[in-house]
PDB file of N, CA and C in Angstrom:
ATOM      1  N   MET A   1      61.130  89.090  74.350  1.00  0.00           N
ATOM      2  CA  MET A   1      61.753  89.470  75.606  1.00  0.00           C
ATOM      3  C   MET A   1      60.700  90.166  76.456  1.00  0.00           C
ATOM      4  N   CYS A   2      60.503  89.682  77.657  1.00  0.00           N
ATOM      5  CA  CYS A   2      59.480  90.300  78.491  1.00  0.00           C
ATOM      6  C   CYS A   2      60.020  91.571  79.145  1.00  0.00           C
ATOM      7  N   ASN A   3      59.120  92.374  79.651  1.00  0.00           N
ATOM      8  CA  ASN A   3      59.465  93.676  80.216  1.00  0.00           C
ATOM      9  C   ASN A   3      60.429  93.549  81.398  1.00  0.00           C
ATOM     10  N   GLU A   4      60.263  92.496  82.218  1.00  0.00           N
ATOM     11  CA  GLU A   4      61.127  92.313  83.386  1.00  0.00           C
ATOM     12  C   GLU A   4      62.577  92.081  82.969  1.00  0.00           C
ATOM     13  N   GLU A   5      62.797  91.341  81.901  1.00  0.00           N
ATOM     14  CA  GLU A   5      64.156  91.053  81.450  1.00  0.00           C
ATOM     15  C   GLU A   5      64.862  92.309  80.961  1.00  0.00           C
ATOM     16  N   ARG A   6      64.137  93.224  80.363  1.00  0.00           N
ATOM     17  CA  ARG A   6      64.738  94.442  79.831  1.00  0.00           C
ATOM     18  C   ARG A   6      65.188  95.400  80.922  1.00  0.00           C
ATOM     19  N   HIS A   7      64.542  95.357  82.073  1.00  0.00           N
ATOM     20  CA  HIS A   7      64.815  96.338  83.118  1.00  0.00           C
ATOM     21  C   HIS A   7      65.556  95.743  84.310  1.00  0.00           C
ATOM     22  N   ARG A   8      66.221  94.635  84.090  1.00  0.00           N
ATOM     23  CA  ARG A   8      67.011  94.043  85.158  1.00  0.00           C
ATOM     24  C   ARG A   8      68.230  94.924  85.419  1.00  0.00           C
ATOM     25  N   PRO A   9      68.539  95.218  86.684  1.00  0.00           N
ATOM     26  CA  PRO A   9      69.690  96.093  86.944  1.00  0.00           C
ATOM     27  C   PRO A   9      71.003  95.421  86.538  1.00  0.00           C
ATOM     28  N   ILE A  10      71.912  96.209  86.050  1.00  0.00           N
ATOM     29  CA  ILE A  10      73.235  95.715  85.674  1.00  0.00           C
ATOM     30  C   ILE A  10      74.075  95.633  86.945  1.00  0.00           C
ATOM     31  N   PRO A  11      74.716  94.488  87.200  1.00  0.00           N
ATOM     32  CA  PRO A  11      75.523  94.386  88.419  1.00  0.00           C
ATOM     33  C   PRO A  11      76.681  95.383  88.393  1.00  0.00           C
ATOM     34  N   LYS A  12      76.956  95.988  89.533  1.00  0.00           N
ATOM     35  CA  LYS A  12      78.040  96.969  89.636  1.00  0.00           C
ATOM     36  C   LYS A  12      79.372  96.241  89.714  1.00  0.00           C
ATOM     37  N   ARG A  13      80.365  96.787  89.019  1.00  0.00           N
ATOM     38  CA  ARG A  13      81.724  96.269  89.099  1.00  0.00           C
ATOM     39  C   ARG A  13      82.604  97.355  89.695  1.00  0.00           C
ATOM     40  N   PRO A  14      83.660  96.972  90.390  1.00  0.00           N
ATOM     41  CA  PRO A  14      84.544  98.006  90.931  1.00  0.00           C
ATOM     42  C   PRO A  14      85.248  98.742  89.796  1.00  0.00           C
ATOM     43  N   PRO A  15      85.596 100.015  89.998  1.00  0.00           N
ATOM     44  CA  PRO A  15      86.321 100.740  88.953  1.00  0.00           C
ATOM     45  C   PRO A  15      87.655 100.052  88.663  1.00  0.00           C
ATOM     46  N   LEU A  16      88.110 100.143  87.422  1.00  0.00           N
ATOM     47  CA  LEU A  16      89.349  99.462  87.034  1.00  0.00           C
ATOM     48  C   LEU A  16      90.540  99.889  87.876  1.00  0.00           C
ATOM     49  N   HIS A  17      90.586 101.159  88.283  1.00  0.00           N
ATOM     50  CA  HIS A  17      91.746 101.614  89.048  1.00  0.00           C
ATOM     51  C   HIS A  17      91.792 101.018  90.449  1.00  0.00           C
ATOM     52  N   SER A  18      90.728 100.370  90.902  1.00  0.00           N
ATOM     53  CA  SER A  18      90.739  99.775  92.241  1.00  0.00           C
ATOM     54  C   SER A  18      91.002  98.273  92.205  1.00  0.00           C
ATOM     55  N   ILE A  19      91.192  97.714  91.015  1.00  0.00           N
ATOM     56  CA  ILE A  19      91.453  96.282  90.885  1.00  0.00           C
ATOM     57  C   ILE A  19      92.965  96.064  90.843  1.00  0.00           C
ATOM     58  N   GLN A  20      93.466  95.183  91.701  1.00  0.00           N
ATOM     59  CA  GLN A  20      94.895  94.875  91.734  1.00  0.00           C
ATOM     60  C   GLN A  20      95.222  93.925  90.584  1.00  0.00           C
ATOM     61  N   LEU A  21      96.092  94.360  89.687  1.00  0.00           N
ATOM     62  CA  LEU A  21      96.484  93.527  88.557  1.00  0.00           C
ATOM     63  C   LEU A  21      97.777  92.788  88.880  1.00  0.00           C
ATOM     64  N   PRO A  22      97.947  91.589  88.330  1.00  0.00           N
ATOM     65  CA  PRO A  22      99.206  90.869  88.540  1.00  0.00           C
ATOM     66  C   PRO A  22     100.383  91.664  87.972  1.00  0.00           C
ATOM     67  N   GLU A  23     101.547  91.482  88.565  1.00  0.00           N
ATOM     68  CA  GLU A  23     102.752  92.216  88.167  1.00  0.00           C
ATOM     69  C   GLU A  23     103.077  92.007  86.686  1.00  0.00           C
ATOM     70  N   LEU A  24     102.914  90.790  86.187  1.00  0.00           N
ATOM     71  CA  LEU A  24     103.218  90.513  84.782  1.00  0.00           C
ATOM     72  C   LEU A  24     102.309  91.316  83.853  1.00  0.00           C
ATOM     73  N   VAL A  25     101.045  91.436  84.212  1.00  0.00           N
ATOM     74  CA  VAL A  25     100.104  92.208  83.399  1.00  0.00           C
ATOM     75  C   VAL A  25     100.522  93.674  83.372  1.00  0.00           C
ATOM     76  N   LEU A  26     100.884  94.214  84.529  1.00  0.00           N
ATOM     77  CA  LEU A  26     101.338  95.608  84.582  1.00  0.00           C
ATOM     78  C   LEU A  26     102.593  95.811  83.750  1.00  0.00           C
ATOM     79  N   GLN A  27     103.542  94.881  83.851  1.00  0.00           N
ATOM     80  CA  GLN A  27     104.786  95.012  83.088  1.00  0.00           C
ATOM     81  C   GLN A  27     104.510  94.976  81.588  1.00  0.00           C
ATOM     82  N   ARG A  28     103.641  94.088  81.152  1.00  0.00           N
ATOM     83  CA  ARG A  28     103.298  94.019  79.725  1.00  0.00           C
ATOM     84  C   ARG A  28     102.615  95.302  79.265  1.00  0.00           C
ATOM     85  N   ALA A  29     101.775  95.863  80.113  1.00  0.00           N
ATOM     86  CA  ALA A  29     101.094  97.114  79.761  1.00  0.00           C
ATOM     87  C   ALA A  29     102.108  98.237  79.593  1.00  0.00           C
ATOM     88  N   PHE A  30     103.058  98.349  80.526  1.00  0.00           N
ATOM     89  CA  PHE A  30     104.086  99.385  80.419  1.00  0.00           C
ATOM     90  C   PHE A  30     104.960  99.161  79.189  1.00  0.00           C
ATOM     91  N   ASP A  31     105.302  97.906  78.907  1.00  0.00           N
ATOM     92  CA  ASP A  31     106.098  97.601  77.711  1.00  0.00           C
ATOM     93  C   ASP A  31     105.354  98.011  76.444  1.00  0.00           C
ATOM     94  N   THR A  32     104.062  97.746  76.410  1.00  0.00           N
ATOM     95  CA  THR A  32     103.255  98.110  75.244  1.00  0.00           C
ATOM     96  C   THR A  32     103.214  99.617  75.058  1.00  0.00           C
ATOM     97  N   VAL A  33     103.044 100.356  76.147  1.00  0.00           N
ATOM     98  CA  VAL A  33     103.028 101.818  76.060  1.00  0.00           C
ATOM     99  C   VAL A  33     104.380 102.324  75.564  1.00  0.00           C
ATOM    100  N   ASP A  34     105.464 101.740  76.058  1.00  0.00           N
ATOM    101  CA  ASP A  34     106.800 102.140  75.597  1.00  0.00           C
ATOM    102  C   ASP A  34     106.963 101.880  74.100  1.00  0.00           C
ATOM    103  N   GLU A  35     106.500 100.730  73.634  1.00  0.00           N
ATOM    104  CA  GLU A  35     106.610 100.412  72.211  1.00  0.00           C
ATOM    105  C   GLU A  35     105.765 101.358  71.364  1.00  0.00           C
ATOM    106  N   LEU A  36     104.568 101.671  71.820  1.00  0.00           N
ATOM    107  CA  LEU A  36     103.722 102.615  71.082  1.00  0.00           C
ATOM    108  C   LEU A  36     104.356 104.004  71.047  1.00  0.00           C
ATOM    109  N   ASP A  37     104.972 104.398  72.140  1.00  0.00           N
ATOM    110  CA  ASP A  37     105.667 105.682  72.188  1.00  0.00           C
ATOM    111  C   ASP A  37     106.807 105.702  71.168  1.00  0.00           C
ATOM    112  N   TRP A  38     107.543 104.594  71.074  1.00  0.00           N
ATOM    113  CA  TRP A  38     108.628 104.490  70.108  1.00  0.00           C
ATOM    114  C   TRP A  38     108.085 104.591  68.675  1.00  0.00           C
ATOM    115  N   VAL A  39     106.985 103.901  68.405  1.00  0.00           N
ATOM    116  CA  VAL A  39     106.379 103.943  67.071  1.00  0.00           C
ATOM    117  C   VAL A  39     105.954 105.367  66.726  1.00  0.00           C
ATOM    118  N   LEU A  40     105.345 106.061  67.666  1.00  0.00           N
ATOM    119  CA  LEU A  40     104.944 107.452  67.412  1.00  0.00           C
ATOM    120  C   LEU A  40     106.159 108.331  67.129  1.00  0.00           C
ATOM    121  N   ASP A  41     107.235 108.119  67.872  1.00  0.00           N
ATOM    122  CA  ASP A  41     108.468 108.875  67.610  1.00  0.00           C
ATOM    123  C   ASP A  41     108.972 108.610  66.194  1.00  0.00           C
ATOM    124  N   GLN A  42     108.911 107.352  65.764  1.00  0.00           N
ATOM    125  CA  GLN A  42     109.367 107.009  64.415  1.00  0.00           C
ATOM    126  C   GLN A  42     108.501 107.695  63.363  1.00  0.00           C
ATOM    127  N   LEU A  43     107.213 107.722  63.586  1.00  0.00           N
ATOM    128  CA  LEU A  43     106.311 108.371  62.635  1.00  0.00           C
ATOM    129  C   LEU A  43     106.558 109.875  62.573  1.00  0.00           C
ATOM    130  N   GLU A  44     106.841 110.484  63.719  1.00  0.00           N
ATOM    131  CA  GLU A  44     107.105 111.923  63.740  1.00  0.00           C
ATOM    132  C   GLU A  44     108.386 112.261  62.989  1.00  0.00           C
ATOM    133  N   THR A  45     109.409 111.438  63.112  1.00  0.00           N
ATOM    134  CA  THR A  45     110.673 111.721  62.434  1.00  0.00           C
ATOM    135  C   THR A  45     110.598 111.360  60.953  1.00  0.00           C
ATOM    136  N   PHE A  46     109.679 110.484  60.596  1.00  0.00           N
ATOM    137  CA  PHE A  46     109.533 110.065  59.202  1.00  0.00           C
ATOM    138  C   PHE A  46     108.859 111.146  58.365  1.00  0.00           C
ATOM    139  N   VAL A  47     107.958 111.880  58.966  1.00  0.00           N
ATOM    140  CA  VAL A  47     107.176 112.881  58.225  1.00  0.00           C
ATOM    141  C   VAL A  47     107.988 114.109  57.955  1.00  0.00           C
TER     142      VAL A  47
END
């Protein structure tokens, strides 16, 4: 690997919070968080 290849700048990407996600993706993310919250509740009551 030559020196120029190692020091090539990494292209900038916009921060994730500024990217508009499709509604279905957002809904699935919220559903997943709800399910994880439920699992944590189950673990807390099990112990």
